[in-house]
PDB file of N, CA and C in Angstrom:
ATOM      1  N   MET A   1     112.661 124.725 112.266  1.00  0.00           N
ATOM      2  CA  MET A   1     111.247 124.785 111.955  1.00  0.00           C
ATOM      3  C   MET A   1     110.595 123.494 112.454  1.00  0.00           C
ATOM      4  N   LEU A   2     109.436 123.635 113.001  1.00  0.00           N
ATOM      5  CA  LEU A   2     108.643 122.515 113.494  1.00  0.00           C
ATOM      6  C   LEU A   2     107.319 122.525 112.740  1.00  0.00           C
ATOM      7  N   ALA A   3     106.967 121.382 112.131  1.00  0.00           N
ATOM      8  CA  ALA A   3     105.729 121.314 111.345  1.00  0.00           C
ATOM      9  C   ALA A   3     104.912 120.101 111.765  1.00  0.00           C
ATOM     10  N   PHE A   4     103.598 120.256 111.744  1.00  0.00           N
ATOM     11  CA  PHE A   4     102.667 119.162 112.007  1.00  0.00           C
ATOM     12  C   PHE A   4     101.755 119.023 110.795  1.00  0.00           C
ATOM     13  N   HIS A   5     101.604 117.803 110.343  1.00  0.00           N
ATOM     14  CA  HIS A   5     100.727 117.532 109.208  1.00  0.00           C
ATOM     15  C   HIS A   5      99.733 116.452 109.614  1.00  0.00           C
ATOM     16  N   LEU A   6      98.476 116.660 109.303  1.00  0.00           N
ATOM     17  CA  LEU A   6      97.435 115.676 109.596  1.00  0.00           C
ATOM     18  C   LEU A   6      97.286 114.720 108.429  1.00  0.00           C
ATOM     19  N   GLY A   7      96.909 113.489 108.738  1.00  0.00           N
ATOM     20  CA  GLY A   7      96.620 112.513 107.700  1.00  0.00           C
ATOM     21  C   GLY A   7      95.278 112.814 107.049  1.00  0.00           C
ATOM     22  N   ASN A   8      94.882 111.959 106.136  1.00  0.00           N
ATOM     23  CA  ASN A   8      93.618 112.133 105.422  1.00  0.00           C
ATOM     24  C   ASN A   8      92.420 112.016 106.361  1.00  0.00           C
ATOM     25  N   LEU A   9      91.415 112.824 106.118  1.00  0.00           N
ATOM     26  CA  LEU A   9      90.156 112.792 106.850  1.00  0.00           C
ATOM     27  C   LEU A   9      89.154 111.994 106.022  1.00  0.00           C
ATOM     28  N   THR A  10      88.517 110.994 106.647  1.00  0.00           N
ATOM     29  CA  THR A  10      87.493 110.223 105.936  1.00  0.00           C
ATOM     30  C   THR A  10      86.216 110.181 106.763  1.00  0.00           C
ATOM     31  N   GLN A  11      85.111 110.097 106.057  1.00  0.00           N
ATOM     32  CA  GLN A  11      83.794 109.981 106.668  1.00  0.00           C
ATOM     33  C   GLN A  11      83.122 108.776 106.024  1.00  0.00           C
ATOM     34  N   THR A  12      82.770 107.773 106.837  1.00  0.00           N
ATOM     35  CA  THR A  12      82.169 106.545 106.333  1.00  0.00           C
ATOM     36  C   THR A  12      80.782 106.381 106.923  1.00  0.00           C
ATOM     37  N   GLU A  13      79.819 106.075 106.048  1.00  0.00           N
ATOM     38  CA  GLU A  13      78.459 105.798 106.517  1.00  0.00           C
ATOM     39  C   GLU A  13      78.392 104.400 107.108  1.00  0.00           C
ATOM     40  N   ILE A  14      77.711 104.274 108.240  1.00  0.00           N
ATOM     41  CA  ILE A  14      77.499 102.982 108.890  1.00  0.00           C
ATOM     42  C   ILE A  14      76.016 102.885 109.221  1.00  0.00           C
ATOM     43  N   TRP A  15      75.435 101.750 108.910  1.00  0.00           N
ATOM     44  CA  TRP A  15      74.017 101.526 109.187  1.00  0.00           C
ATOM     45  C   TRP A  15      73.873 100.491 110.279  1.00  0.00           C
ATOM     46  N   ASN A  16      73.033 100.783 111.252  1.00  0.00           N
ATOM     47  CA  ASN A  16      72.741  99.845 112.328  1.00  0.00           C
ATOM     48  C   ASN A  16      71.250  99.896 112.618  1.00  0.00           C
ATOM     49  N   GLN A  17      70.579  98.772 112.435  1.00  0.00           N
ATOM     50  CA  GLN A  17      69.151  98.650 112.694  1.00  0.00           C
ATOM     51  C   GLN A  17      68.353  99.782 112.037  1.00  0.00           C
ATOM     52  N   GLY A  18      68.699 100.061 110.777  1.00  0.00           N
ATOM     53  CA  GLY A  18      67.972 101.051 110.000  1.00  0.00           C
ATOM     54  C   GLY A  18      68.342 102.497 110.279  1.00  0.00           C
ATOM     55  N   GLU A  19      69.308 102.744 111.140  1.00  0.00           N
ATOM     56  CA  GLU A  19      69.718 104.118 111.450  1.00  0.00           C
ATOM     57  C   GLU A  19      71.110 104.373 110.887  1.00  0.00           C
ATOM     58  N   ARG A  20      71.294 105.560 110.267  1.00  0.00           N
ATOM     59  CA  ARG A  20      72.570 105.923 109.655  1.00  0.00           C
ATOM     60  C   ARG A  20      73.442 106.671 110.654  1.00  0.00           C
ATOM     61  N   PHE A  21      74.704 106.259 110.735  1.00  0.00           N
ATOM     62  CA  PHE A  21      75.708 106.931 111.553  1.00  0.00           C
ATOM     63  C   PHE A  21      76.904 107.261 110.673  1.00  0.00           C
ATOM     64  N   ASP A  22      77.764 108.148 111.148  1.00  0.00           N
ATOM     65  CA  ASP A  22      78.980 108.507 110.435  1.00  0.00           C
ATOM     66  C   ASP A  22      80.197 108.190 111.298  1.00  0.00           C
ATOM     67  N   ARG A  23      81.180 107.537 110.698  1.00  0.00           N
ATOM     68  CA  ARG A  23      82.456 107.315 111.375  1.00  0.00           C
ATOM     69  C   ARG A  23      83.451 108.298 110.756  1.00  0.00           C
ATOM     70  N   ILE A  24      83.988 109.173 111.600  1.00  0.00           N
ATOM     71  CA  ILE A  24      84.963 110.169 111.171  1.00  0.00           C
ATOM     72  C   ILE A  24      86.336 109.679 111.616  1.00  0.00           C
ATOM     73  N   GLN A  25      87.287 109.630 110.684  1.00  0.00           N
ATOM     74  CA  GLN A  25      88.627 109.171 111.010  1.00  0.00           C
ATOM     75  C   GLN A  25      89.670 110.089 110.387  1.00  0.00           C
ATOM     76  N   ILE A  26      90.786 110.240 111.096  1.00  0.00           N
ATOM     77  CA  ILE A  26      91.952 110.936 110.575  1.00  0.00           C
ATOM     78  C   ILE A  26      93.084 109.921 110.579  1.00  0.00           C
ATOM     79  N   GLU A  27      93.710 109.751 109.438  1.00  0.00           N
ATOM     80  CA  GLU A  27      94.799 108.791 109.307  1.00  0.00           C
ATOM     81  C   GLU A  27      95.842 109.000 110.406  1.00  0.00           C
ATOM     82  N   GLY A  28      96.121 107.945 111.166  1.00  0.00           N
ATOM     83  CA  GLY A  28      97.123 108.007 112.216  1.00  0.00           C
ATOM     84  C   GLY A  28      96.628 108.522 113.553  1.00  0.00           C
ATOM     85  N   ALA A  29      95.352 108.883 113.639  1.00  0.00           N
ATOM     86  CA  ALA A  29      94.799 109.407 114.895  1.00  0.00           C
ATOM     87  C   ALA A  29      93.951 108.343 115.579  1.00  0.00           C
ATOM     88  N   PRO A  30      94.095 108.188 116.889  1.00  0.00           N
ATOM     89  CA  PRO A  30      93.247 107.218 117.588  1.00  0.00           C
ATOM     90  C   PRO A  30      91.799 107.701 117.658  1.00  0.00           C
ATOM     91  N   ASP A  31      90.868 106.759 117.652  1.00  0.00           N
ATOM     92  CA  ASP A  31      89.440 107.061 117.799  1.00  0.00           C
ATOM     93  C   ASP A  31      89.016 106.658 119.196  1.00  0.00           C
ATOM     94  N   GLY A  32      87.891 107.167 119.612  1.00  0.00           N
ATOM     95  CA  GLY A  32      87.313 106.645 120.834  1.00  0.00           C
ATOM     96  C   GLY A  32      87.059 107.676 121.894  1.00  0.00           C
ATOM     97  N   GLY A  33      86.905 107.172 123.068  1.00  0.00           N
ATOM     98  CA  GLY A  33      86.536 107.952 124.221  1.00  0.00           C
ATOM     99  C   GLY A  33      85.769 107.034 125.141  1.00  0.00           C
ATOM    100  N   PRO A  34      85.174 107.577 126.173  1.00  0.00           N
ATOM    101  CA  PRO A  34      84.387 106.738 127.079  1.00  0.00           C
ATOM    102  C   PRO A  34      83.221 106.073 126.339  1.00  0.00           C
ATOM    103  N   GLU A  35      82.843 104.890 126.793  1.00  0.00           N
ATOM    104  CA  GLU A  35      81.759 104.147 126.157  1.00  0.00           C
ATOM    105  C   GLU A  35      80.499 104.997 126.076  1.00  0.00           C
ATOM    106  N   GLY A  36      79.904 105.012 124.884  1.00  0.00           N
ATOM    107  CA  GLY A  36      78.680 105.769 124.667  1.00  0.00           C
ATOM    108  C   GLY A  36      78.902 107.196 124.184  1.00  0.00           C
ATOM    109  N   TRP A  37      80.144 107.679 124.199  1.00  0.00           N
ATOM    110  CA  TRP A  37      80.459 109.019 123.675  1.00  0.00           C
ATOM    111  C   TRP A  37      80.686 108.917 122.175  1.00  0.00           C
ATOM    112  N   PRO A  38      80.585 110.052 121.455  1.00  0.00           N
ATOM    113  CA  PRO A  38      80.868 110.005 120.016  1.00  0.00           C
ATOM    114  C   PRO A  38      82.286 109.509 119.756  1.00  0.00           C
ATOM    115  N   GLU A  39      82.421 108.626 118.773  1.00  0.00           N
ATOM    116  CA  GLU A  39      83.729 108.103 118.391  1.00  0.00           C
ATOM    117  C   GLU A  39      84.344 109.072 117.387  1.00  0.00           C
ATOM    118  N   LEU A  40      85.186 109.965 117.885  1.00  0.00           N
ATOM    119  CA  LEU A  40      85.817 110.985 117.056  1.00  0.00           C
ATOM    120  C   LEU A  40      87.328 110.908 117.210  1.00  0.00           C
ATOM    121  N   PRO A  41      88.065 111.224 116.140  1.00  0.00           N
ATOM    122  CA  PRO A  41      89.522 111.182 116.245  1.00  0.00           C
ATOM    123  C   PRO A  41      90.035 112.280 117.162  1.00  0.00           C
ATOM    124  N   SER A  42      91.163 111.998 117.791  1.00  0.00           N
ATOM    125  CA  SER A  42      91.747 112.958 118.720  1.00  0.00           C
ATOM    126  C   SER A  42      93.252 113.022 118.511  1.00  0.00           C
ATOM    127  N   LEU A  43      93.757 114.209 118.266  1.00  0.00           N
ATOM    128  CA  LEU A  43      95.196 114.421 118.114  1.00  0.00           C
ATOM    129  C   LEU A  43      95.644 115.509 119.077  1.00  0.00           C
ATOM    130  N   VAL A  44      96.669 115.224 119.844  1.00  0.00           N
ATOM    131  CA  VAL A  44      97.227 116.205 120.775  1.00  0.00           C
ATOM    132  C   VAL A  44      98.739 116.189 120.607  1.00  0.00           C
ATOM    133  N   ARG A  45      99.341 117.341 120.469  1.00  0.00           N
ATOM    134  CA  ARG A  45     100.792 117.455 120.368  1.00  0.00           C
ATOM    135  C   ARG A  45     101.264 118.501 121.362  1.00  0.00           C
ATOM    136  N   PHE A  46     102.272 118.157 122.156  1.00  0.00           N
ATOM    137  CA  PHE A  46     102.870 119.095 123.098  1.00  0.00           C
ATOM    138  C   PHE A  46     104.308 119.359 122.683  1.00  0.00           C
ATOM    139  N   VAL A  47     104.712 120.599 122.771  1.00  0.00           N
ATOM    140  CA  VAL A  47     106.102 120.980 122.551  1.00  0.00           C
ATOM    141  C   VAL A  47     106.508 121.806 123.756  1.00  0.00           C
ATOM    142  N   LEU A  48     107.454 121.302 124.523  1.00  0.00           N
ATOM    143  CA  LEU A  48     107.919 122.016 125.715  1.00  0.00           C
ATOM    144  C   LEU A  48     109.086 122.919 125.339  1.00  0.00           C
ATOM    145  N   ILE A  49     108.917 124.205 125.610  1.00  0.00           N
ATOM    146  CA  ILE A  49     109.950 125.193 125.308  1.00  0.00           C
ATOM    147  C   ILE A  49     110.244 125.953 126.595  1.00  0.00           C
ATOM    148  N   PRO A  50     111.478 125.879 127.070  1.00  0.00           N
ATOM    149  CA  PRO A  50     111.818 126.617 128.295  1.00  0.00           C
ATOM    150  C   PRO A  50     111.631 128.124 128.098  1.00  0.00           C
ATOM    151  N   PRO A  51     111.115 128.828 129.117  1.00  0.00           N
ATOM    152  CA  PRO A  51     110.858 130.270 128.983  1.00  0.00           C
ATOM    153  C   PRO A  51     112.113 131.072 128.652  1.00  0.00           C
ATOM    154  N   GLN A  52     113.266 130.641 129.120  1.00  0.00           N
ATOM    155  CA  GLN A  52     114.499 131.385 128.896  1.00  0.00           C
ATOM    156  C   GLN A  52     115.138 131.082 127.533  1.00  0.00           C
ATOM    157  N   SER A  53     114.516 130.234 126.713  1.00  0.00           N
ATOM    158  CA  SER A  53     115.136 129.828 125.445  1.00  0.00           C
ATOM    159  C   SER A  53     115.104 130.904 124.372  1.00  0.00           C
ATOM    160  N   GLY A  54     114.213 131.869 124.488  1.00  0.00           N
ATOM    161  CA  GLY A  54     114.123 132.927 123.483  1.00  0.00           C
ATOM    162  C   GLY A  54     113.445 132.492 122.201  1.00  0.00           C
ATOM    163  N   VAL A  55     112.775 131.344 122.215  1.00  0.00           N
ATOM    164  CA  VAL A  55     112.092 130.849 121.022  1.00  0.00           C
ATOM    165  C   VAL A  55     110.858 131.692 120.753  1.00  0.00           C
ATOM    166  N   GLU A  56     110.657 132.021 119.487  1.00  0.00           N
ATOM    167  CA  GLU A  56     109.481 132.782 119.069  1.00  0.00           C
ATOM    168  C   GLU A  56     108.561 131.850 118.297  1.00  0.00           C
ATOM    169  N   LEU A  57     107.277 131.879 118.619  1.00  0.00           N
ATOM    170  CA  LEU A  57     106.289 131.042 117.950  1.00  0.00           C
ATOM    171  C   LEU A  57     105.596 131.862 116.873  1.00  0.00           C
ATOM    172  N   LYS A  58     105.629 131.326 115.651  1.00  0.00           N
ATOM    173  CA  LYS A  58     104.970 131.995 114.536  1.00  0.00           C
ATOM    174  C   LYS A  58     104.180 130.944 113.753  1.00  0.00           C
ATOM    175  N   VAL A  59     102.868 131.077 113.741  1.00  0.00           N
ATOM    176  CA  VAL A  59     102.009 130.160 112.993  1.00  0.00           C
ATOM    177  C   VAL A  59     101.874 130.715 111.584  1.00  0.00           C
ATOM    178  N   THR A  60     102.232 129.891 110.600  1.00  0.00           N
ATOM    179  CA  THR A  60     102.236 130.377 109.219  1.00  0.00           C
ATOM    180  C   THR A  60     101.089 129.852 108.369  1.00  0.00           C
ATOM    181  N   ASN A  61     100.444 128.770 108.814  1.00  0.00           N
ATOM    182  CA  ASN A  61      99.374 128.208 108.001  1.00  0.00           C
ATOM    183  C   ASN A  61      98.389 127.464 108.898  1.00  0.00           C
ATOM    184  N   VAL A  62      97.140 127.845 108.833  1.00  0.00           N
ATOM    185  CA  VAL A  62      96.086 127.154 109.587  1.00  0.00           C
ATOM    186  C   VAL A  62      94.964 126.858 108.608  1.00  0.00           C
ATOM    187  N   GLN A  63      94.508 125.609 108.605  1.00  0.00           N
ATOM    188  CA  GLN A  63      93.394 125.224 107.745  1.00  0.00           C
ATOM    189  C   GLN A  63      92.328 124.567 108.593  1.00  0.00           C
ATOM    190  N   SER A  64      91.085 124.680 108.175  1.00  0.00           N
ATOM    191  CA  SER A  64      90.001 124.011 108.883  1.00  0.00           C
ATOM    192  C   SER A  64      89.086 123.333 107.867  1.00  0.00           C
ATOM    193  N   HIS A  65      88.342 122.361 108.361  1.00  0.00           N
ATOM    194  CA  HIS A  65      87.399 121.622 107.529  1.00  0.00           C
ATOM    195  C   HIS A  65      86.146 121.425 108.368  1.00  0.00           C
ATOM    196  N   LEU A  66      85.013 121.874 107.884  1.00  0.00           N
ATOM    197  CA  LEU A  66      83.763 121.793 108.625  1.00  0.00           C
ATOM    198  C   LEU A  66      82.882 120.692 108.039  1.00  0.00           C
ATOM    199  N   LEU A  67      82.476 119.763 108.884  1.00  0.00           N
ATOM    200  CA  LEU A  67      81.543 118.716 108.483  1.00  0.00           C
ATOM    201  C   LEU A  67      80.160 119.083 109.009  1.00  0.00           C
ATOM    202  N   THR A  68      79.155 118.953 108.178  1.00  0.00           N
ATOM    203  CA  THR A  68      77.789 119.276 108.594  1.00  0.00           C
ATOM    204  C   THR A  68      76.894 118.051 108.416  1.00  0.00           C
ATOM    205  N   ASN A  69      75.771 118.069 109.091  1.00  0.00           N
ATOM    206  CA  ASN A  69      74.762 117.007 108.997  1.00  0.00           C
ATOM    207  C   ASN A  69      75.363 115.623 109.243  1.00  0.00           C
ATOM    208  N   ILE A  70      76.138 115.508 110.328  1.00  0.00           N
ATOM    209  CA  ILE A  70      76.705 114.207 110.667  1.00  0.00           C
ATOM    210  C   ILE A  70      76.025 113.659 111.922  1.00  0.00           C
ATOM    211  N   ASN A  71      76.008 112.354 112.026  1.00  0.00           N
ATOM    212  CA  ASN A  71      75.493 111.664 113.191  1.00  0.00           C
ATOM    213  C   ASN A  71      76.612 110.730 113.641  1.00  0.00           C
ATOM    214  N   PRO A  72      77.524 111.209 114.502  1.00  0.00           N
ATOM    215  CA  PRO A  72      78.694 110.389 114.833  1.00  0.00           C
ATOM    216  C   PRO A  72      78.321 109.078 115.495  1.00  0.00           C
ATOM    217  N   ILE A  73      79.030 108.044 115.075  1.00  0.00           N
ATOM    218  CA  ILE A  73      78.856 106.736 115.701  1.00  0.00           C
ATOM    219  C   ILE A  73      79.356 106.843 117.143  1.00  0.00           C
ATOM    220  N   LEU A  74      78.764 106.086 118.039  1.00  0.00           N
ATOM    221  CA  LEU A  74      79.204 106.092 119.430  1.00  0.00           C
ATOM    222  C   LEU A  74      80.263 105.019 119.640  1.00  0.00           C
ATOM    223  N   THR A  75      81.080 105.193 120.672  1.00  0.00           N
ATOM    224  CA  THR A  75      82.066 104.165 120.982  1.00  0.00           C
ATOM    225  C   THR A  75      81.330 102.862 121.258  1.00  0.00           C
ATOM    226  N   SER A  76      82.038 101.768 121.157  1.00  0.00           N
ATOM    227  CA  SER A  76      81.417 100.443 121.162  1.00  0.00           C
ATOM    228  C   SER A  76      80.428 100.244 122.302  1.00  0.00           C
ATOM    229  N   ARG A  77      79.348  99.617 121.938  1.00  0.00           N
ATOM    230  CA  ARG A  77      78.307  99.261 122.896  1.00  0.00           C
ATOM    231  C   ARG A  77      78.069  97.770 122.773  1.00  0.00           C
ATOM    232  N   PRO A  78      77.691  97.104 123.837  1.00  0.00           N
ATOM    233  CA  PRO A  78      77.395  95.667 123.742  1.00  0.00           C
ATOM    234  C   PRO A  78      76.316  95.407 122.698  1.00  0.00           C
ATOM    235  N   GLY A  79      76.506  94.379 121.870  1.00  0.00           N
ATOM    236  CA  GLY A  79      75.517  94.006 120.863  1.00  0.00           C
ATOM    237  C   GLY A  79      75.559  94.850 119.610  1.00  0.00           C
ATOM    238  N   TRP A  80      76.522  95.722 119.477  1.00  0.00           N
ATOM    239  CA  TRP A  80      76.600  96.605 118.317  1.00  0.00           C
ATOM    240  C   TRP A  80      77.063  95.813 117.099  1.00  0.00           C
ATOM    241  N   ARG A  81      76.251  95.799 116.073  1.00  0.00           N
ATOM    242  CA  ARG A  81      76.641  95.165 114.816  1.00  0.00           C
ATOM    243  C   ARG A  81      76.516  96.224 113.734  1.00  0.00           C
ATOM    244  N   GLU A  82      77.520  96.304 112.902  1.00  0.00           N
ATOM    245  CA  GLU A  82      77.497  97.361 111.881  1.00  0.00           C
ATOM    246  C   GLU A  82      77.671  96.777 110.496  1.00  0.00           C
ATOM    247  N   ARG A  83      77.109  97.472 109.556  1.00  0.00           N
ATOM    248  CA  ARG A  83      77.265  97.142 108.143  1.00  0.00           C
ATOM    249  C   ARG A  83      77.778  98.410 107.486  1.00  0.00           C
ATOM    250  N   GLN A  84      79.025  98.390 107.063  1.00  0.00           N
ATOM    251  CA  GLN A  84      79.636  99.598 106.514  1.00  0.00           C
ATOM    252  C   GLN A  84      79.348  99.722 105.036  1.00  0.00           C
ATOM    253  N   ASN A  85      79.114 100.960 104.631  1.00  0.00           N
ATOM    254  CA  ASN A  85      79.033 101.304 103.225  1.00  0.00           C
ATOM    255  C   ASN A  85      80.445 101.145 102.655  1.00  0.00           C
ATOM    256  N   SER A  86      80.574 100.634 101.457  1.00  0.00           N
ATOM    257  CA  SER A  86      81.894 100.327 100.909  1.00  0.00           C
ATOM    258  C   SER A  86      82.681 101.570 100.510  1.00  0.00           C
ATOM    259  N   GLN A  87      82.051 102.697 100.329  1.00  0.00           N
ATOM    260  CA  GLN A  87      82.753 103.896  99.868  1.00  0.00           C
ATOM    261  C   GLN A  87      82.723 104.994 100.934  1.00  0.00           C
ATOM    262  N   PRO A  88      83.904 105.314 101.550  1.00  0.00           N
ATOM    263  CA  PRO A  88      83.927 106.447 102.474  1.00  0.00           C
ATOM    264  C   PRO A  88      83.756 107.758 101.730  1.00  0.00           C
ATOM    265  N   ARG A  89      83.164 108.733 102.390  1.00  0.00           N
ATOM    266  CA  ARG A  89      83.049 110.080 101.831  1.00  0.00           C
ATOM    267  C   ARG A  89      84.202 110.893 102.372  1.00  0.00           C
ATOM    268  N   VAL A  90      84.789 111.729 101.523  1.00  0.00           N
ATOM    269  CA  VAL A  90      85.911 112.573 101.952  1.00  0.00           C
ATOM    270  C   VAL A  90      85.498 114.015 101.878  1.00  0.00           C
TER     271      VAL A  90
END
């Protein structure tokens, strides 16, 4: 059996020059992307299975979590200063 488990998902409010942004993080997942893109966690897992192996894939549990009304923080920009709210939202 092969299992993948995600870490905790957190949403933290960040204020910059009077504008509210959200930082979304998944424990153990890298954040980022090209400069100026939304800073969102990214997880990719590959499992290579030879076609002749006879392995059968059966997904037994899928869960999703929908976040609404978010304004994702962008990847670092020059001059970016942030003041984080002390309590992340989960």
